[in-house]
Amino acid sequence: MNRLLVPSSALLWGLQIAFLSPALALILVNLYGATTADVGWVLAVYNASGFAASLLIPAYADKKQDYLGPMLVCGALTVVLVVALGVVTTLPLATVALVVIGGPAGVGSSMLFAHLRHSGARPADIVNTRAIVSVAWVAGPPLATLIIGWFGNRAILLAIAAVAVLNIASTTALMRHRQRLARASGGPPAAPVHDGPDVGRLAVVLITAAFVLLQAANATGMTMLTIYVTETVGLDVLWAGIALGVAAALEVPALILIGRLTERFSSFGLIATGCLAGIGYYVGLAFVHEPVALIALQPLNAWCFAGIGGVGLTLFQQIIPRPGLSTGLYLNTRRIGSIVSGPMIAFGSLTALGQRGIFLTCGAVTLLGLLTIAVASQTRSRGTTAD
């Protein structure tokens, strides 16, 4: 049973996010009468709240060296959030609930990965746990839309609450109980094992900037794929859904495989392979004209995500000794990357290639991210040699 606690927690946290994220816009429109512009503004301030919370809460957890306590609180806040969204009747009140409660509640999954790092988990274990979250994302959005279609918009709030309660009762609380028993028995406190390269502040800044670029390219590719397939390639929207489904299904084995490879190869090298796969995917996508080629490119997409989403997380945990801060900073590269994706879409679409230019821009940005990581790696090597 103990072996199932962390995987179960990862699955439940993944389901909470996979239920809420795709359904949130529908909830805002159907329950509170939000316009498209309103949805944009609400999501912007909601994500800003999440950005701040993913820095402040991990900092507190690092100071206390306790990550399960904040994770338990985040689970409880999820329940409070869905109750608030179910009770309020106006968009301003719903926005307040999302900002004040939803932002901090969303930090819970990052606390799980910080706890794993603090407990001395290997990079392979952390990547495997990340793969379980991807499993939740394969099943979560279709299941959420099914619940909404059958039972209405408020039903998804009940589903999220049920998952959160199950998470609190069956996983987080049990892990916290086990931790207390271990401390009461006189065992040494858990501490992360330093198994990564020694880097300076310049290298950390460069790696963070590189991941913002990589995350921006990934967010742009996901955002634009459906529109691109239907408007530019001229295929039925079904093919866009198939492509996204194939990529999501391949993410899990890609993460498991790359997790095993972390035992043999450096994080920098594995991330570089992910970047090269991403460049190949975006360039190939820019010249797609038929569905077979579209589907054939998805393994490259999956490997790119495994490098950025799996090994990237462990790299941040290796180069920054504070588990909470490192995990929160990594997750915020995704948030900032999503913001950067907007100008990327605008710039790419203004080229002579139209929407195809957007994916060439993604390839160029991924190449820039790869070069930045290479510079950071060399900075680290020179610093280590000087020591």
Protein backbone atom coordinates (compact mmCIF):
# COMPACT_ATOMS: atom_id res chain seq x y z
CA MET A 1 0.00 0.00 0.00
CA ASN A 2 2.81 2.40 0.85
CA ARG A 3 4.17 2.07 -2.66
CA LEU A 4 0.83 3.20 -4.07
CA LEU A 5 0.58 6.44 -2.06
CA VAL A 6 2.75 8.64 -4.28
CA PRO A 7 1.40 7.30 -7.61
CA SER A 8 -2.16 7.64 -6.31
CA SER A 9 -1.53 11.19 -5.16
CA ALA A 10 0.01 12.08 -8.54
CA LEU A 11 -2.99 10.62 -10.36
CA LEU A 12 -5.49 12.46 -8.18
CA TRP A 13 -3.66 15.80 -8.42
CA GLY A 14 -3.46 15.32 -12.17
CA LEU A 15 -7.19 14.61 -12.36
CA GLN A 16 -8.02 17.72 -10.33
CA ILE A 17 -6.09 19.92 -12.75
CA ALA A 18 -7.26 18.02 -15.84
CA PHE A 19 -10.89 18.42 -14.74
CA LEU A 20 -10.68 22.13 -13.90
CA SER A 21 -8.43 23.58 -16.59
CA PRO A 22 -10.40 22.56 -19.72
CA ALA A 23 -13.77 23.21 -18.05
CA LEU A 24 -13.03 26.56 -16.42
CA ALA A 25 -13.87 28.69 -19.46
CA LEU A 26 -17.18 26.80 -19.89
CA ILE A 27 -17.98 27.31 -16.21
CA LEU A 28 -17.31 31.05 -16.43
CA VAL A 29 -19.48 31.44 -19.52
CA ASN A 30 -22.37 29.17 -18.61
CA LEU A 31 -22.65 29.83 -14.88
CA TYR A 32 -21.71 33.50 -14.66
CA GLY A 33 -22.43 34.85 -18.15
CA ALA A 34 -18.83 35.76 -18.95
CA THR A 35 -18.00 37.03 -22.43
CA THR A 36 -14.93 35.89 -24.33
CA ALA A 37 -13.10 39.04 -23.20
CA ASP A 38 -14.18 38.41 -19.60
CA VAL A 39 -12.79 34.88 -19.77
CA GLY A 40 -9.44 36.24 -20.95
CA TRP A 41 -9.18 38.75 -18.11
CA VAL A 42 -10.32 36.30 -15.44
CA LEU A 43 -7.84 33.65 -16.58
CA ALA A 44 -5.08 36.29 -16.66
CA VAL A 45 -5.57 37.37 -13.03
CA TYR A 46 -6.12 33.74 -11.98
CA ASN A 47 -2.79 32.72 -13.52
CA ALA A 48 -1.11 35.75 -11.94
CA SER A 49 -2.36 34.55 -8.57
CA GLY A 50 -1.00 31.08 -9.32
CA PHE A 51 2.34 32.59 -10.30
CA ALA A 52 2.67 34.42 -6.97
CA ALA A 53 1.44 31.44 -4.94
CA SER A 54 3.93 29.07 -6.61
CA LEU A 55 6.75 31.27 -5.31
CA LEU A 56 5.44 32.16 -1.85
CA ILE A 57 4.09 28.78 -0.71
CA PRO A 58 7.20 26.80 -1.78
CA ALA A 59 9.39 29.39 -0.04
CA TYR A 60 7.43 28.80 3.18
CA ALA A 61 7.67 25.02 2.69
CA ASP A 62 11.44 25.25 2.17
CA LYS A 63 11.79 27.27 5.36
CA LYS A 64 9.83 24.69 7.37
CA GLN A 65 11.22 21.75 5.37
CA ASP A 66 7.68 20.43 5.27
CA TYR A 67 5.95 19.89 1.91
CA LEU A 68 3.14 17.53 2.87
CA GLY A 69 1.53 20.06 5.20
CA PRO A 70 1.17 22.74 2.51
CA MET A 71 0.05 20.03 0.06
CA LEU A 72 -2.70 19.03 2.50
CA VAL A 73 -3.79 22.68 2.80
CA CYS A 74 -3.84 23.02 -1.01
CA GLY A 75 -6.11 20.00 -1.25
CA ALA A 76 -8.47 21.52 1.31
CA LEU A 77 -8.44 24.83 -0.59
CA THR A 78 -9.51 22.96 -3.73
CA VAL A 79 -12.63 21.79 -1.89
CA VAL A 80 -13.27 25.32 -0.63
CA LEU A 81 -12.83 26.67 -4.18
CA VAL A 82 -15.40 24.40 -5.78
CA VAL A 83 -17.88 25.11 -2.96
CA ALA A 84 -17.36 28.84 -3.50
CA LEU A 85 -17.80 28.52 -7.26
CA GLY A 86 -20.97 26.53 -6.71
CA VAL A 87 -22.43 29.11 -4.30
CA VAL A 88 -21.55 32.47 -5.90
CA THR A 89 -23.76 33.79 -8.69
CA THR A 90 -21.78 36.68 -10.18
CA LEU A 91 -18.58 36.81 -12.22
CA PRO A 92 -16.75 39.28 -9.88
CA LEU A 93 -17.27 36.97 -6.89
CA ALA A 94 -16.18 33.95 -8.92
CA THR A 95 -13.05 35.85 -9.95
CA VAL A 96 -12.28 36.68 -6.31
CA ALA A 97 -12.64 33.00 -5.42
CA LEU A 98 -10.30 31.94 -8.22
CA VAL A 99 -7.66 34.52 -7.29
CA VAL A 100 -7.77 34.19 -3.49
CA ILE A 101 -8.42 30.44 -3.23
CA GLY A 102 -7.71 28.91 -6.64
CA GLY A 103 -4.21 30.33 -7.07
CA PRO A 104 -2.85 28.82 -3.84
CA ALA A 105 -4.84 25.59 -4.34
CA GLY A 106 -3.09 24.97 -7.65
CA VAL A 107 0.32 24.71 -5.99
CA GLY A 108 -0.49 21.32 -4.46
CA SER A 109 0.95 19.19 -7.26
CA SER A 110 4.27 21.05 -7.15
CA MET A 111 4.47 20.31 -3.41
CA LEU A 112 4.28 16.60 -4.25
CA PHE A 113 7.36 16.82 -6.47
CA ALA A 114 9.15 18.98 -3.90
CA HIS A 115 8.37 16.35 -1.25
CA LEU A 116 9.80 13.63 -3.47
CA ARG A 117 13.00 15.61 -3.99
CA HIS A 118 13.27 16.41 -0.28
CA SER A 119 12.83 12.71 0.51
CA GLY A 120 15.81 11.82 -1.68
CA ALA A 121 13.89 10.40 -4.65
CA ARG A 122 15.96 9.71 -7.75
CA PRO A 123 15.35 11.74 -10.93
CA ALA A 124 13.93 8.58 -12.54
CA ASP A 125 11.33 8.28 -9.75
CA ILE A 126 10.32 11.92 -10.18
CA VAL A 127 9.99 11.57 -13.95
CA ASN A 128 7.92 8.41 -13.50
CA THR A 129 5.63 10.30 -11.13
CA ARG A 130 5.33 13.03 -13.75
CA ALA A 131 4.28 10.33 -16.24
CA ILE A 132 1.37 9.43 -13.96
CA VAL A 133 0.19 13.05 -14.10
CA SER A 134 0.25 12.74 -17.89
CA VAL A 135 -1.95 9.65 -17.61
CA ALA A 136 -4.48 11.80 -15.77
CA TRP A 137 -4.35 14.36 -18.56
CA VAL A 138 -5.11 11.68 -21.15
CA ALA A 139 -8.30 10.67 -19.35
CA GLY A 140 -9.23 13.91 -17.54
CA PRO A 141 -10.42 16.33 -20.26
CA PRO A 142 -12.62 13.80 -22.12
CA LEU A 143 -14.11 12.64 -18.82
CA ALA A 144 -14.72 16.26 -17.75
CA THR A 145 -16.58 17.06 -20.97
CA LEU A 146 -18.57 13.84 -20.58
CA ILE A 147 -19.63 14.81 -17.05
CA ILE A 148 -20.62 18.30 -18.20
CA GLY A 149 -22.55 16.93 -21.17
CA TRP A 150 -24.51 14.41 -19.09
CA PHE A 151 -25.02 16.21 -15.78
CA GLY A 152 -24.43 19.91 -16.45
CA ASN A 153 -21.72 22.45 -15.62
CA ARG A 154 -22.08 22.29 -11.84
CA ALA A 155 -21.53 18.54 -11.89
CA ILE A 156 -17.85 18.99 -12.77
CA LEU A 157 -17.44 21.04 -9.58
CA LEU A 158 -18.78 18.08 -7.58
CA ALA A 159 -16.39 15.76 -9.41
CA ILE A 160 -13.41 17.99 -8.60
CA ALA A 161 -14.47 18.17 -4.96
CA ALA A 162 -14.81 14.39 -4.78
CA VAL A 163 -11.32 13.88 -6.23
CA ALA A 164 -9.87 16.48 -3.83
CA VAL A 165 -11.49 14.83 -0.78
CA LEU A 166 -10.23 11.43 -1.91
CA ASN A 167 -6.77 12.91 -2.39
CA ILE A 168 -6.75 14.46 1.08
CA ALA A 169 -8.10 11.38 2.86
CA SER A 170 -6.40 8.52 1.05
CA THR A 171 -3.01 9.84 0.02
CA THR A 172 -1.79 13.16 1.43
CA ALA A 173 -2.99 12.51 4.99
CA LEU A 174 -1.55 8.99 4.94
CA MET A 175 1.82 10.22 3.65
CA ARG A 176 1.89 12.86 6.37
CA HIS A 177 1.02 10.21 8.98
CA ARG A 178 3.87 8.02 7.75
CA GLN A 179 6.24 10.95 7.92
CA ARG A 180 5.26 11.67 11.53
CA LEU A 181 5.72 8.02 12.51
CA ALA A 182 9.20 8.00 10.94
CA ARG A 183 10.19 11.10 12.88
CA ALA A 184 8.73 9.73 16.12
CA SER A 185 10.75 6.54 15.73
CA GLY A 186 13.93 8.58 15.81
CA GLY A 187 14.83 8.23 12.15
CA PRO A 188 16.93 10.95 10.53
CA PRO A 189 15.00 13.77 8.84
CA ALA A 190 14.66 13.44 5.11
CA ALA A 191 17.05 15.46 3.03
CA PRO A 192 17.56 15.75 -0.71
CA VAL A 193 20.57 14.06 -2.19
CA HIS A 194 22.71 16.44 -4.22
CA ASP A 195 23.13 14.54 -7.46
CA GLY A 196 23.30 17.38 -9.96
CA PRO A 197 25.90 19.74 -11.37
CA ASP A 198 27.19 22.66 -9.34
CA VAL A 199 26.08 25.79 -11.16
CA GLY A 200 26.33 29.50 -10.47
CA ARG A 201 23.61 32.12 -10.60
CA LEU A 202 24.37 32.98 -14.22
CA ALA A 203 23.78 29.40 -15.31
CA VAL A 204 20.50 29.25 -13.34
CA VAL A 205 19.32 32.47 -15.00
CA LEU A 206 20.26 31.16 -18.45
CA ILE A 207 18.54 27.81 -17.88
CA THR A 208 15.41 29.54 -16.60
CA ALA A 209 15.33 31.83 -19.66
CA ALA A 210 15.87 28.84 -21.95
CA PHE A 211 12.94 26.97 -20.43
CA VAL A 212 10.68 29.98 -20.82
CA LEU A 213 11.49 29.83 -24.55
CA LEU A 214 10.98 26.06 -24.74
CA GLN A 215 7.69 26.24 -22.84
CA ALA A 216 6.53 29.13 -25.07
CA ALA A 217 7.16 27.06 -28.20
CA ASN A 218 5.34 24.07 -26.69
CA ALA A 219 2.35 26.19 -25.63
CA THR A 220 2.19 27.82 -29.07
CA GLY A 221 2.26 24.49 -30.85
CA MET A 222 -0.58 23.08 -28.73
CA THR A 223 -2.68 26.23 -28.98
CA MET A 224 -2.43 26.57 -32.75
CA LEU A 225 -2.56 22.95 -33.89
CA THR A 226 -6.35 22.63 -34.26
CA ILE A 227 -6.71 25.93 -36.12
CA TYR A 228 -3.69 25.16 -38.30
CA VAL A 229 -4.90 21.68 -39.27
CA THR A 230 -8.35 22.93 -40.29
CA GLU A 231 -7.58 26.34 -41.83
CA THR A 232 -4.15 25.89 -43.43
CA VAL A 233 -3.64 22.16 -44.00
CA GLY A 234 -7.30 21.79 -44.96
CA LEU A 235 -8.04 18.64 -42.97
CA ASP A 236 -11.07 17.79 -40.90
CA VAL A 237 -10.88 18.85 -37.23
CA LEU A 238 -10.97 15.14 -36.36
CA TRP A 239 -7.34 14.83 -37.48
CA ALA A 240 -6.26 17.52 -35.05
CA GLY A 241 -7.95 15.58 -32.26
CA ILE A 242 -6.28 12.35 -33.37
CA ALA A 243 -2.87 14.05 -33.48
CA LEU A 244 -3.28 15.50 -29.99
CA GLY A 245 -4.53 12.15 -28.70
CA VAL A 246 -1.58 10.26 -30.21
CA ALA A 247 0.88 12.77 -28.74
CA ALA A 248 -0.75 12.52 -25.30
CA ALA A 249 -0.72 8.71 -25.43
CA LEU A 250 2.97 8.67 -26.41
CA GLU A 251 3.95 11.12 -23.64
CA VAL A 252 3.63 8.44 -20.96
CA PRO A 253 6.03 5.84 -22.45
CA ALA A 254 8.35 8.68 -23.52
CA LEU A 255 8.52 9.95 -19.94
CA ILE A 256 9.11 6.46 -18.55
CA LEU A 257 11.88 5.81 -21.07
CA ILE A 258 13.61 9.13 -20.56
CA GLY A 259 13.30 8.62 -16.79
CA ARG A 260 15.30 5.42 -17.09
CA LEU A 261 17.88 7.17 -19.25
CA THR A 262 18.51 9.73 -16.48
CA GLU A 263 20.41 6.95 -14.70
CA ARG A 264 22.89 6.74 -17.60
CA PHE A 265 23.02 10.15 -19.25
CA SER A 266 23.23 13.76 -18.07
CA SER A 267 20.14 15.92 -17.79
CA PHE A 268 21.68 18.47 -20.15
CA GLY A 269 22.20 15.82 -22.83
CA LEU A 270 18.69 14.39 -22.53
CA ILE A 271 17.11 17.84 -22.68
CA ALA A 272 19.19 18.55 -25.79
CA THR A 273 17.68 15.48 -27.48
CA GLY A 274 14.23 16.78 -26.57
CA CYS A 275 15.05 20.16 -28.09
CA LEU A 276 16.30 18.54 -31.31
CA ALA A 277 13.11 16.46 -31.48
CA GLY A 278 11.09 19.62 -30.98
CA ILE A 279 12.90 21.45 -33.76
CA GLY A 280 12.27 18.51 -36.08
CA TYR A 281 8.60 18.43 -35.09
CA TYR A 282 7.94 22.14 -35.62
CA VAL A 283 9.80 22.32 -38.93
CA GLY A 284 8.09 19.17 -40.16
CA LEU A 285 4.71 20.50 -39.05
CA ALA A 286 5.26 23.68 -41.05
CA PHE A 287 5.37 21.65 -44.26
CA VAL A 288 2.64 19.08 -43.52
CA HIS A 289 0.05 18.56 -46.27
CA GLU A 290 -1.50 15.20 -45.39
CA PRO A 291 -2.77 13.40 -42.27
CA VAL A 292 -0.22 10.58 -42.38
CA ALA A 293 2.68 13.02 -42.01
CA LEU A 294 0.81 14.86 -39.24
CA ILE A 295 0.46 11.69 -37.17
CA ALA A 296 3.98 10.47 -38.02
CA LEU A 297 5.44 13.63 -36.44
CA GLN A 298 3.79 13.06 -33.06
CA PRO A 299 6.55 10.80 -31.60
CA LEU A 300 8.92 13.77 -31.99
CA ASN A 301 6.38 15.93 -30.18
CA ALA A 302 6.11 13.40 -27.34
CA TRP A 303 9.89 13.11 -26.92
CA CYS A 304 10.22 16.90 -26.91
CA PHE A 305 7.67 17.09 -24.10
CA ALA A 306 9.42 14.32 -22.17
CA GLY A 307 12.67 16.27 -22.27
CA ILE A 308 11.11 19.60 -21.30
CA GLY A 309 8.38 18.38 -18.97
CA GLY A 310 10.17 15.46 -17.34
CA VAL A 311 13.93 15.95 -17.28
CA GLY A 312 13.46 19.72 -17.13
CA LEU A 313 11.76 19.39 -13.74
CA THR A 314 14.54 17.20 -12.34
CA LEU A 315 17.22 19.54 -13.72
CA PHE A 316 15.76 22.50 -11.82
CA GLN A 317 15.65 20.37 -8.68
CA GLN A 318 19.28 19.39 -9.20
CA ILE A 319 20.69 22.87 -9.77
CA ILE A 320 18.64 24.66 -7.09
CA PRO A 321 19.08 23.07 -3.64
CA ARG A 322 15.68 24.19 -2.26
CA PRO A 323 13.05 21.65 -3.46
CA GLY A 324 10.07 23.99 -3.16
CA LEU A 325 11.71 26.93 -4.88
CA SER A 326 13.17 24.82 -7.68
CA THR A 327 9.84 23.14 -8.44
CA GLY A 328 7.87 26.38 -8.23
CA LEU A 329 10.36 28.19 -10.48
CA TYR A 330 10.17 25.42 -13.06
CA LEU A 331 6.37 25.48 -13.11
CA ASN A 332 6.41 29.25 -13.52
CA THR A 333 8.49 28.91 -16.69
CA ARG A 334 5.36 27.29 -18.13
CA ARG A 335 3.18 30.19 -17.05
CA ILE A 336 5.56 32.80 -18.46
CA GLY A 337 5.99 30.73 -21.61
CA SER A 338 2.21 30.76 -22.13
CA ILE A 339 2.34 34.57 -21.99
CA VAL A 340 5.22 34.70 -24.47
CA SER A 341 3.34 32.40 -26.85
CA GLY A 342 0.91 35.21 -27.69
CA PRO A 343 3.52 37.45 -29.36
CA MET A 344 5.03 34.36 -31.01
CA ILE A 345 1.71 33.56 -32.67
CA ALA A 346 1.28 37.16 -33.79
CA PHE A 347 4.83 37.40 -35.16
CA GLY A 348 4.76 34.04 -36.94
CA SER A 349 1.41 34.72 -38.59
CA LEU A 350 2.69 37.98 -40.07
CA THR A 351 5.34 36.21 -42.14
CA ALA A 352 4.81 35.35 -45.81
CA LEU A 353 4.08 31.74 -44.80
CA GLY A 354 1.10 32.67 -42.65
CA GLN A 355 0.23 30.06 -40.04
CA ARG A 356 3.04 27.82 -41.25
CA GLY A 357 5.38 30.61 -40.17
CA ILE A 358 4.16 30.19 -36.60
CA PHE A 359 5.63 26.70 -36.41
CA LEU A 360 8.89 27.78 -38.03
CA THR A 361 9.02 30.46 -35.32
CA CYS A 362 8.51 27.71 -32.74
CA GLY A 363 11.44 25.81 -34.24
CA ALA A 364 13.65 28.91 -34.15
CA VAL A 365 12.70 29.66 -30.54
CA THR A 366 13.41 26.04 -29.56
CA LEU A 367 16.82 26.29 -31.25
CA LEU A 368 17.50 29.48 -29.29
CA GLY A 369 16.52 27.68 -26.09
CA LEU A 370 18.86 24.80 -26.93
CA LEU A 371 21.75 27.20 -27.59
CA THR A 372 21.07 29.00 -24.31
CA ILE A 373 21.18 25.69 -22.42
CA ALA A 374 24.44 24.85 -24.19
CA VAL A 375 25.92 28.18 -23.04
CA ALA A 376 24.70 27.49 -19.49
CA SER A 377 26.30 24.05 -19.61
CA GLN A 378 29.62 25.54 -20.71
CA THR A 379 29.36 28.20 -18.00
CA ARG A 380 28.89 25.44 -15.46
CA SER A 381 31.83 23.45 -16.88
CA ARG A 382 34.19 26.43 -16.72
CA GLY A 383 33.05 27.19 -13.18
CA THR A 384 33.63 23.61 -12.09
CA THR A 385 37.06 23.55 -13.69
CA ALA A 386 38.04 26.80 -12.01
CA ASP A 387 37.12 25.34 -8.64
